[in-house]
Amino acid sequence: MNAKTIFSGILFCTILISCGDIPEPVNQTIEVETIEDQEIKVDTVAPPPLVTFENTDTSLIVDSSTVIFLYPDSTEYREMEAKYSEEDLTEIVSGMNWYPFMVQEKLDSTEFKYQDCSLPLLVFNKSDGSSILLERKKLEGNMIIFNVDADPIVTYAVNFDEKTHLNFLRTGKL
């Protein structure tokens, strides 16, 4: 087998695995006792953000502030194979993986999660009950930064600005 075939197989498997089953979040119940006539000092610690993804055959549904990395599906990858030389394709795919990896390393040290996706539709459910539907193939970028209190930002991973984009994930403001 040549390197192109092996690389194609690895990329295809990575894409399929990345949009696989995501475990359901665990709900926690906190019991509170009532104490009368006593002064109580309570230190509040914010829980980590709940990350919820739901995959269907055609869409990724996102219900929490997160980052989504976009990748071509197998059909698009085959089109790229036909369009570019092996050398050019290797360079393109290398860039498609390198820059998201660099952002993922930064996100790993935060409370925010990320998800890879090659599905055609992305549904972002906002905290006000509204939803935003995006078609992956029509987007100009390979990364979506989403805060449930704001519209998603579509950009390229190479343009990730740690301070600005992490602030957006936390506050919904740029």
N, C-alpha and C. Protein backbone atom coordinates (compact mmCIF):
# COMPACT_ATOMS: atom_id res chain seq x y z
N MET A 1 0.85 -1.19 0.00
CA MET A 1 0.00 0.00 0.00
C MET A 1 0.88 1.24 0.00
N ASN A 2 0.37 2.29 -0.64
CA ASN A 2 1.15 3.52 -0.65
C ASN A 2 0.75 4.41 0.53
N ALA A 3 1.52 5.44 0.76
CA ALA A 3 1.30 6.34 1.90
C ALA A 3 -0.05 7.05 1.79
N LYS A 4 -0.46 7.35 0.58
CA LYS A 4 -1.72 8.04 0.35
C LYS A 4 -2.90 7.19 0.82
N THR A 5 -2.89 5.92 0.51
CA THR A 5 -3.96 5.01 0.92
C THR A 5 -3.98 4.84 2.43
N ILE A 6 -2.84 4.68 3.04
CA ILE A 6 -2.76 4.53 4.50
C ILE A 6 -3.25 5.79 5.18
N PHE A 7 -2.78 6.95 4.71
CA PHE A 7 -3.18 8.22 5.31
C PHE A 7 -4.68 8.44 5.16
N SER A 8 -5.23 8.10 3.97
CA SER A 8 -6.67 8.24 3.74
C SER A 8 -7.45 7.38 4.71
N GLY A 9 -7.01 6.17 4.93
CA GLY A 9 -7.68 5.26 5.86
C GLY A 9 -7.65 5.79 7.28
N ILE A 10 -6.51 6.29 7.70
CA ILE A 10 -6.37 6.83 9.05
C ILE A 10 -7.27 8.05 9.23
N LEU A 11 -7.28 8.97 8.26
CA LEU A 11 -8.13 10.16 8.36
C LEU A 11 -9.60 9.77 8.39
N PHE A 12 -10.01 8.85 7.54
CA PHE A 12 -11.40 8.42 7.51
C PHE A 12 -11.82 7.83 8.85
N CYS A 13 -10.99 6.94 9.42
CA CYS A 13 -11.29 6.33 10.73
C CYS A 13 -11.36 7.39 11.82
N THR A 14 -10.47 8.37 11.80
CA THR A 14 -10.46 9.43 12.80
C THR A 14 -11.75 10.23 12.74
N ILE A 15 -12.20 10.54 11.53
CA ILE A 15 -13.43 11.31 11.38
C ILE A 15 -14.62 10.52 11.89
N LEU A 16 -14.70 9.24 11.54
CA LEU A 16 -15.82 8.42 12.00
C LEU A 16 -15.84 8.29 13.51
N ILE A 17 -14.69 8.09 14.11
CA ILE A 17 -14.61 7.92 15.56
C ILE A 17 -14.94 9.22 16.28
N SER A 18 -14.51 10.37 15.72
CA SER A 18 -14.68 11.64 16.41
C SER A 18 -16.14 12.04 16.57
N CYS A 19 -17.01 11.61 15.70
CA CYS A 19 -18.42 11.95 15.82
C CYS A 19 -19.22 10.76 16.34
N GLY A 20 -18.61 9.91 17.10
CA GLY A 20 -19.26 8.72 17.65
C GLY A 20 -20.14 9.04 18.83
N ASP A 21 -20.51 8.00 19.55
CA ASP A 21 -21.40 8.15 20.69
C ASP A 21 -20.73 8.96 21.79
N ILE A 22 -21.49 9.88 22.36
CA ILE A 22 -21.03 10.69 23.48
C ILE A 22 -21.87 10.27 24.68
N PRO A 23 -21.24 9.96 25.81
CA PRO A 23 -22.01 9.53 26.96
C PRO A 23 -22.93 10.64 27.47
N GLU A 24 -24.05 10.25 28.02
CA GLU A 24 -25.00 11.19 28.58
C GLU A 24 -24.42 11.82 29.84
N PRO A 25 -24.71 13.13 30.08
CA PRO A 25 -24.21 13.76 31.29
C PRO A 25 -24.91 13.18 32.52
N VAL A 26 -24.22 13.23 33.63
CA VAL A 26 -24.76 12.71 34.87
C VAL A 26 -25.39 13.86 35.65
N ASN A 27 -26.65 13.69 36.07
CA ASN A 27 -27.32 14.70 36.87
C ASN A 27 -27.00 14.46 38.33
N GLN A 28 -26.74 15.54 39.06
CA GLN A 28 -26.44 15.43 40.47
C GLN A 28 -27.57 16.06 41.27
N THR A 29 -27.93 15.45 42.37
CA THR A 29 -28.92 16.00 43.27
C THR A 29 -28.21 16.40 44.56
N ILE A 30 -28.47 17.62 45.00
CA ILE A 30 -27.86 18.12 46.23
C ILE A 30 -28.95 18.28 47.26
N GLU A 31 -28.77 17.66 48.41
CA GLU A 31 -29.73 17.78 49.49
C GLU A 31 -29.34 18.96 50.36
N VAL A 32 -30.34 19.76 50.76
CA VAL A 32 -30.10 20.94 51.58
C VAL A 32 -30.89 20.81 52.86
N GLU A 33 -30.23 21.03 53.98
CA GLU A 33 -30.91 21.03 55.27
C GLU A 33 -31.22 22.46 55.66
N THR A 34 -32.35 22.69 56.28
CA THR A 34 -32.73 24.02 56.74
C THR A 34 -32.31 24.17 58.20
N ILE A 35 -31.58 25.24 58.46
CA ILE A 35 -31.15 25.53 59.82
C ILE A 35 -31.67 26.91 60.17
N GLU A 36 -32.47 26.98 61.19
CA GLU A 36 -33.08 28.25 61.57
C GLU A 36 -32.26 28.94 62.65
N ASP A 37 -32.34 30.26 62.66
CA ASP A 37 -31.73 31.10 63.69
C ASP A 37 -30.22 30.94 63.80
N GLN A 38 -29.56 30.62 62.74
CA GLN A 38 -28.10 30.55 62.75
C GLN A 38 -27.57 31.30 61.54
N GLU A 39 -26.45 31.97 61.75
CA GLU A 39 -25.82 32.65 60.64
C GLU A 39 -24.89 31.66 59.96
N ILE A 40 -25.07 31.51 58.68
CA ILE A 40 -24.30 30.53 57.95
C ILE A 40 -23.53 31.26 56.85
N LYS A 41 -22.24 30.98 56.76
CA LYS A 41 -21.41 31.52 55.68
C LYS A 41 -21.21 30.41 54.67
N VAL A 42 -21.54 30.70 53.42
CA VAL A 42 -21.45 29.69 52.37
C VAL A 42 -20.50 30.19 51.29
N ASP A 43 -19.52 29.38 50.94
CA ASP A 43 -18.65 29.66 49.82
C ASP A 43 -19.21 28.91 48.62
N THR A 44 -19.46 29.63 47.55
CA THR A 44 -20.05 29.01 46.37
C THR A 44 -18.97 28.77 45.33
N VAL A 45 -18.94 27.58 44.81
CA VAL A 45 -18.03 27.23 43.73
C VAL A 45 -18.88 26.85 42.53
N ALA A 46 -18.62 27.52 41.42
CA ALA A 46 -19.40 27.23 40.22
C ALA A 46 -19.06 25.85 39.70
N PRO A 47 -20.09 25.07 39.34
CA PRO A 47 -19.81 23.75 38.77
C PRO A 47 -19.22 23.90 37.37
N PRO A 48 -18.50 22.91 36.89
CA PRO A 48 -17.98 22.99 35.52
C PRO A 48 -19.15 23.02 34.54
N PRO A 49 -18.96 23.64 33.40
CA PRO A 49 -20.06 23.72 32.44
C PRO A 49 -20.47 22.32 31.97
N LEU A 50 -21.78 22.15 31.81
CA LEU A 50 -22.31 20.89 31.32
C LEU A 50 -22.10 20.83 29.82
N VAL A 51 -21.49 19.79 29.36
CA VAL A 51 -21.25 19.63 27.93
C VAL A 51 -22.16 18.53 27.41
N THR A 52 -23.04 18.90 26.49
CA THR A 52 -23.99 17.95 25.95
C THR A 52 -23.89 17.96 24.43
N PHE A 53 -23.65 16.81 23.86
CA PHE A 53 -23.64 16.65 22.41
C PHE A 53 -24.62 15.53 22.10
N GLU A 54 -25.33 15.67 21.01
CA GLU A 54 -26.18 14.58 20.55
C GLU A 54 -25.92 14.43 19.06
N ASN A 55 -25.53 13.25 18.67
CA ASN A 55 -25.28 12.98 17.25
C ASN A 55 -26.45 12.22 16.66
N THR A 56 -26.86 12.66 15.48
CA THR A 56 -27.80 11.87 14.70
C THR A 56 -27.02 11.48 13.45
N ASP A 57 -27.68 10.85 12.50
CA ASP A 57 -26.98 10.47 11.27
C ASP A 57 -26.53 11.69 10.47
N THR A 58 -27.23 12.81 10.63
CA THR A 58 -26.92 13.96 9.80
C THR A 58 -26.57 15.22 10.57
N SER A 59 -26.70 15.21 11.90
CA SER A 59 -26.48 16.46 12.61
C SER A 59 -25.82 16.26 13.97
N LEU A 60 -25.16 17.31 14.40
CA LEU A 60 -24.59 17.38 15.73
C LEU A 60 -25.38 18.46 16.46
N ILE A 61 -25.97 18.11 17.60
CA ILE A 61 -26.75 19.06 18.38
C ILE A 61 -25.93 19.45 19.60
N VAL A 62 -25.71 20.75 19.77
CA VAL A 62 -24.86 21.26 20.84
C VAL A 62 -25.70 22.10 21.79
N ASP A 63 -25.64 21.77 23.08
CA ASP A 63 -26.43 22.45 24.10
C ASP A 63 -25.57 23.16 25.14
N SER A 64 -24.30 23.34 24.87
CA SER A 64 -23.43 23.96 25.87
C SER A 64 -22.32 24.74 25.19
N SER A 65 -21.70 25.61 25.97
CA SER A 65 -20.58 26.42 25.45
C SER A 65 -19.41 25.50 25.17
N THR A 66 -18.94 25.51 23.93
CA THR A 66 -17.91 24.57 23.51
C THR A 66 -17.27 25.01 22.20
N VAL A 67 -16.29 24.25 21.74
CA VAL A 67 -15.65 24.49 20.45
C VAL A 67 -15.84 23.25 19.58
N ILE A 68 -16.24 23.46 18.34
CA ILE A 68 -16.44 22.38 17.39
C ILE A 68 -15.42 22.55 16.27
N PHE A 69 -14.68 21.48 15.98
CA PHE A 69 -13.73 21.49 14.87
C PHE A 69 -14.35 20.77 13.69
N LEU A 70 -14.33 21.39 12.53
CA LEU A 70 -14.98 20.87 11.34
C LEU A 70 -13.98 20.18 10.43
N TYR A 71 -14.37 19.02 9.94
CA TYR A 71 -13.52 18.23 9.04
C TYR A 71 -14.36 17.77 7.85
N PRO A 72 -13.72 17.50 6.73
CA PRO A 72 -14.46 16.98 5.57
C PRO A 72 -14.96 15.56 5.84
N ASP A 73 -16.10 15.22 5.23
CA ASP A 73 -16.57 13.84 5.34
C ASP A 73 -15.82 13.00 4.29
N SER A 74 -16.10 11.71 4.26
CA SER A 74 -15.35 10.81 3.39
C SER A 74 -15.52 11.16 1.90
N THR A 75 -16.71 11.61 1.51
CA THR A 75 -16.94 11.99 0.12
C THR A 75 -16.11 13.21 -0.25
N GLU A 76 -16.10 14.19 0.63
CA GLU A 76 -15.31 15.41 0.37
C GLU A 76 -13.82 15.07 0.33
N TYR A 77 -13.40 14.15 1.19
CA TYR A 77 -11.99 13.77 1.20
C TYR A 77 -11.60 13.11 -0.13
N ARG A 78 -12.48 12.23 -0.63
CA ARG A 78 -12.20 11.60 -1.93
C ARG A 78 -12.13 12.64 -3.05
N GLU A 79 -12.98 13.66 -2.98
CA GLU A 79 -12.92 14.74 -3.97
C GLU A 79 -11.59 15.48 -3.88
N MET A 80 -11.10 15.68 -2.66
CA MET A 80 -9.80 16.33 -2.47
C MET A 80 -8.68 15.46 -3.04
N GLU A 81 -8.80 14.15 -2.86
CA GLU A 81 -7.79 13.24 -3.41
C GLU A 81 -7.71 13.35 -4.93
N ALA A 82 -8.87 13.50 -5.56
CA ALA A 82 -8.91 13.61 -7.02
C ALA A 82 -8.41 14.97 -7.50
N LYS A 83 -8.59 15.98 -6.69
CA LYS A 83 -8.26 17.35 -7.09
C LYS A 83 -6.79 17.72 -6.89
N TYR A 84 -6.18 17.18 -5.83
CA TYR A 84 -4.82 17.59 -5.47
C TYR A 84 -3.81 16.47 -5.66
N SER A 85 -2.58 16.87 -5.86
CA SER A 85 -1.51 15.88 -5.92
C SER A 85 -1.30 15.30 -4.52
N GLU A 86 -0.63 14.16 -4.45
CA GLU A 86 -0.38 13.52 -3.16
C GLU A 86 0.37 14.46 -2.22
N GLU A 87 1.35 15.16 -2.76
CA GLU A 87 2.14 16.09 -1.94
C GLU A 87 1.28 17.25 -1.42
N ASP A 88 0.46 17.83 -2.30
CA ASP A 88 -0.40 18.94 -1.89
C ASP A 88 -1.46 18.47 -0.89
N LEU A 89 -2.03 17.31 -1.13
CA LEU A 89 -3.04 16.77 -0.23
C LEU A 89 -2.45 16.52 1.16
N THR A 90 -1.25 15.99 1.20
CA THR A 90 -0.58 15.74 2.48
C THR A 90 -0.40 17.05 3.24
N GLU A 91 -0.02 18.09 2.55
CA GLU A 91 0.17 19.40 3.19
C GLU A 91 -1.17 19.96 3.68
N ILE A 92 -2.21 19.85 2.87
CA ILE A 92 -3.53 20.34 3.25
C ILE A 92 -4.05 19.62 4.48
N VAL A 93 -3.98 18.29 4.46
CA VAL A 93 -4.48 17.50 5.58
C VAL A 93 -3.66 17.75 6.83
N SER A 94 -2.37 17.94 6.67
CA SER A 94 -1.52 18.24 7.81
C SER A 94 -1.97 19.53 8.48
N GLY A 95 -2.25 20.56 7.69
CA GLY A 95 -2.74 21.82 8.24
C GLY A 95 -4.12 21.69 8.86
N MET A 96 -4.97 20.86 8.23
CA MET A 96 -6.33 20.65 8.77
C MET A 96 -6.28 20.02 10.15
N ASN A 97 -5.24 19.26 10.44
CA ASN A 97 -5.14 18.59 11.73
C ASN A 97 -4.25 19.34 12.72
N TRP A 98 -3.21 19.99 12.24
CA TRP A 98 -2.25 20.64 13.12
C TRP A 98 -2.86 21.79 13.92
N TYR A 99 -3.51 22.74 13.23
CA TYR A 99 -4.03 23.92 13.91
C TYR A 99 -5.14 23.58 14.92
N PRO A 100 -6.10 22.72 14.58
CA PRO A 100 -7.06 22.31 15.61
C PRO A 100 -6.37 21.63 16.81
N PHE A 101 -5.35 20.84 16.54
CA PHE A 101 -4.62 20.19 17.64
C PHE A 101 -4.01 21.23 18.57
N MET A 102 -3.46 22.30 18.02
CA MET A 102 -2.87 23.35 18.84
C MET A 102 -3.93 24.02 19.73
N VAL A 103 -5.12 24.25 19.17
CA VAL A 103 -6.21 24.84 19.95
C VAL A 103 -6.67 23.85 21.02
N GLN A 104 -6.78 22.57 20.65
CA GLN A 104 -7.21 21.55 21.61
C GLN A 104 -6.26 21.48 22.80
N GLU A 105 -4.97 21.61 22.56
CA GLU A 105 -4.01 21.62 23.67
C GLU A 105 -4.29 22.76 24.62
N LYS A 106 -4.64 23.93 24.10
CA LYS A 106 -4.96 25.08 24.95
C LYS A 106 -6.26 24.84 25.71
N LEU A 107 -7.25 24.25 25.03
CA LEU A 107 -8.54 23.99 25.68
C LEU A 107 -8.42 22.92 26.77
N ASP A 108 -7.49 21.98 26.60
CA ASP A 108 -7.31 20.92 27.60
C ASP A 108 -6.97 21.47 28.97
N SER A 109 -6.39 22.65 29.04
CA SER A 109 -6.03 23.23 30.33
C SER A 109 -7.14 24.12 30.89
N THR A 110 -8.31 24.11 30.25
CA THR A 110 -9.46 24.91 30.70
C THR A 110 -10.61 23.98 31.05
N GLU A 111 -11.72 24.58 31.43
CA GLU A 111 -12.92 23.81 31.73
C GLU A 111 -13.75 23.51 30.49
N PHE A 112 -13.33 24.01 29.34
CA PHE A 112 -14.12 23.86 28.12
C PHE A 112 -13.74 22.61 27.34
N LYS A 113 -14.74 22.04 26.73
CA LYS A 113 -14.58 20.83 25.93
C LYS A 113 -14.67 21.18 24.46
N TYR A 114 -14.32 20.20 23.63
CA TYR A 114 -14.37 20.39 22.20
C TYR A 114 -14.83 19.09 21.56
N GLN A 115 -15.25 19.21 20.31
CA GLN A 115 -15.78 18.06 19.57
C GLN A 115 -15.38 18.20 18.12
N ASP A 116 -14.95 17.11 17.50
CA ASP A 116 -14.68 17.08 16.06
C ASP A 116 -15.97 16.67 15.35
N CYS A 117 -16.18 17.22 14.16
CA CYS A 117 -17.40 16.87 13.44
C CYS A 117 -17.22 16.97 11.93
N SER A 118 -17.76 15.96 11.24
CA SER A 118 -17.82 15.98 9.78
C SER A 118 -19.26 15.82 9.30
N LEU A 119 -20.21 15.93 10.22
CA LEU A 119 -21.63 15.80 9.86
C LEU A 119 -22.09 17.04 9.10
N PRO A 120 -23.10 16.90 8.25
CA PRO A 120 -23.52 18.02 7.41
C PRO A 120 -24.21 19.16 8.16
N LEU A 121 -24.92 18.87 9.23
CA LEU A 121 -25.69 19.90 9.94
C LEU A 121 -25.24 20.03 11.38
N LEU A 122 -25.22 21.28 11.87
CA LEU A 122 -24.91 21.55 13.27
C LEU A 122 -26.04 22.39 13.83
N VAL A 123 -26.58 21.97 14.98
CA VAL A 123 -27.66 22.69 15.63
C VAL A 123 -27.13 23.19 16.97
N PHE A 124 -27.17 24.50 17.17
CA PHE A 124 -26.71 25.11 18.41
C PHE A 124 -27.93 25.61 19.17
N ASN A 125 -28.19 25.03 20.34
CA ASN A 125 -29.32 25.44 21.16
C ASN A 125 -28.84 26.48 22.17
N LYS A 126 -29.46 27.66 22.10
CA LYS A 126 -29.07 28.77 22.96
C LYS A 126 -29.87 28.73 24.27
N SER A 127 -29.39 29.46 25.26
CA SER A 127 -30.02 29.47 26.57
C SER A 127 -31.41 30.11 26.55
N ASP A 128 -31.69 30.97 25.56
CA ASP A 128 -33.00 31.61 25.48
C ASP A 128 -34.05 30.72 24.80
N GLY A 129 -33.67 29.48 24.46
CA GLY A 129 -34.60 28.54 23.84
C GLY A 129 -34.54 28.54 22.32
N SER A 130 -33.85 29.48 21.72
CA SER A 130 -33.75 29.50 20.27
C SER A 130 -32.64 28.55 19.81
N SER A 131 -32.67 28.21 18.54
CA SER A 131 -31.67 27.32 17.96
C SER A 131 -31.11 27.94 16.69
N ILE A 132 -29.86 27.62 16.41
CA ILE A 132 -29.21 28.09 15.19
C ILE A 132 -28.77 26.85 14.42
N LEU A 133 -29.18 26.77 13.16
CA LEU A 133 -28.82 25.65 12.29
C LEU A 133 -27.77 26.12 11.30
N LEU A 134 -26.63 25.40 11.25
CA LEU A 134 -25.58 25.73 10.31
C LEU A 134 -25.28 24.51 9.44
N GLU A 135 -25.04 24.75 8.15
CA GLU A 135 -24.64 23.69 7.24
C GLU A 135 -23.12 23.72 7.12
N ARG A 136 -22.46 22.65 7.53
CA ARG A 136 -21.01 22.62 7.58
C ARG A 136 -20.36 23.00 6.26
N LYS A 137 -20.87 22.48 5.15
CA LYS A 137 -20.25 22.73 3.85
C LYS A 137 -20.34 24.19 3.42
N LYS A 138 -21.26 24.95 3.97
CA LYS A 138 -21.44 26.35 3.58
C LYS A 138 -20.65 27.31 4.47
N LEU A 139 -19.95 26.78 5.45
CA LEU A 139 -19.23 27.63 6.39
C LEU A 139 -17.84 27.96 5.88
N GLU A 140 -17.38 29.14 6.15
CA GLU A 140 -16.03 29.57 5.80
C GLU A 140 -15.20 29.52 7.09
N GLY A 141 -14.61 28.37 7.34
CA GLY A 141 -13.82 28.17 8.55
C GLY A 141 -13.78 26.70 8.91
N ASN A 142 -12.95 26.37 9.89
CA ASN A 142 -12.86 24.98 10.34
C ASN A 142 -13.06 24.85 11.85
N MET A 143 -13.55 25.93 12.47
CA MET A 143 -13.76 25.91 13.91
C MET A 143 -14.95 26.80 14.25
N ILE A 144 -15.80 26.30 15.15
CA ILE A 144 -16.93 27.08 15.64
C ILE A 144 -16.78 27.21 17.15
N ILE A 145 -16.83 28.45 17.62
CA ILE A 145 -16.76 28.71 19.06
C ILE A 145 -18.17 29.12 19.47
N PHE A 146 -18.74 28.40 20.44
CA PHE A 146 -20.14 28.62 20.80
C PHE A 146 -20.30 28.86 22.28
N ASN A 147 -21.01 29.94 22.60
CA ASN A 147 -21.46 30.23 23.95
C ASN A 147 -22.97 30.22 23.90
N VAL A 148 -23.62 29.57 24.84
CA VAL A 148 -25.07 29.41 24.81
C VAL A 148 -25.82 30.74 24.90
N ASP A 149 -25.13 31.82 25.30
CA ASP A 149 -25.77 33.13 25.41
C ASP A 149 -25.47 34.03 24.21
N ALA A 150 -24.85 33.50 23.17
CA ALA A 150 -24.47 34.32 22.01
C ALA A 150 -24.54 33.47 20.74
N ASP A 151 -24.45 34.14 19.60
CA ASP A 151 -24.39 33.41 18.34
C ASP A 151 -23.01 32.78 18.17
N PRO A 152 -22.93 31.64 17.49
CA PRO A 152 -21.64 30.99 17.30
C PRO A 152 -20.70 31.83 16.43
N ILE A 153 -19.41 31.70 16.70
CA ILE A 153 -18.38 32.35 15.89
C ILE A 153 -17.77 31.27 15.01
N VAL A 154 -17.79 31.50 13.69
CA VAL A 154 -17.17 30.57 12.75
C VAL A 154 -15.85 31.20 12.31
N THR A 155 -14.76 30.49 12.52
CA THR A 155 -13.44 31.01 12.19
C THR A 155 -12.52 29.85 11.83
N TYR A 156 -11.27 30.14 11.67
CA TYR A 156 -10.26 29.11 11.42
C TYR A 156 -9.45 28.89 12.69
N ALA A 157 -9.07 27.65 12.95
CA ALA A 157 -8.28 27.33 14.13
C ALA A 157 -6.97 28.10 14.15
N VAL A 158 -6.40 28.38 13.00
CA VAL A 158 -5.14 29.13 12.93
C VAL A 158 -5.32 30.54 13.50
N ASN A 159 -6.55 31.06 13.53
CA ASN A 159 -6.84 32.39 14.05
C ASN A 159 -7.25 32.40 15.51
N PHE A 160 -7.15 31.27 16.20
CA PHE A 160 -7.58 31.19 17.59
C PHE A 160 -6.76 32.13 18.45
N ASP A 161 -7.44 33.04 19.14
CA ASP A 161 -6.81 33.96 20.08
C ASP A 161 -7.24 33.52 21.48
N GLU A 162 -6.32 32.95 22.21
CA GLU A 162 -6.64 32.31 23.49
C GLU A 162 -7.40 33.25 24.42
N LYS A 163 -6.91 34.44 24.65
CA LYS A 163 -7.55 35.37 25.60
C LYS A 163 -8.95 35.75 25.13
N THR A 164 -9.07 36.17 23.88
CA THR A 164 -10.35 36.63 23.35
C THR A 164 -11.38 35.51 23.28
N HIS A 165 -10.98 34.37 22.73
CA HIS A 165 -11.95 33.31 22.52
C HIS A 165 -12.32 32.58 23.81
N LEU A 166 -11.40 32.43 24.74
CA LEU A 166 -11.76 31.84 26.03
C LEU A 166 -12.70 32.78 26.79
N ASN A 167 -12.47 34.09 26.68
CA ASN A 167 -13.38 35.05 27.30
C ASN A 167 -14.78 34.92 26.68
N PHE A 168 -14.85 34.73 25.36
CA PHE A 168 -16.14 34.55 24.71
C PHE A 168 -16.83 33.28 25.22
N LEU A 169 -16.08 32.20 25.37
CA LEU A 169 -16.68 30.96 25.90
C LEU A 169 -17.23 31.17 27.31
N ARG A 170 -16.55 31.98 28.11
CA ARG A 170 -16.98 32.22 29.49
C ARG A 170 -18.14 33.21 29.58
N THR A 171 -18.10 34.27 28.78
CA THR A 171 -19.05 35.37 28.95
C THR A 171 -20.04 35.55 27.80
N GLY A 172 -19.71 35.03 26.62
CA GLY A 172 -20.57 35.26 25.46
C GLY A 172 -20.29 36.60 24.79
N LYS A 173 -19.21 37.27 25.25
CA LYS A 173 -18.85 38.58 24.69
C LYS A 173 -17.43 38.55 24.18
N LEU A 174 -17.19 39.20 23.06
CA LEU A 174 -15.84 39.30 22.51
C LEU A 174 -15.08 40.45 23.16
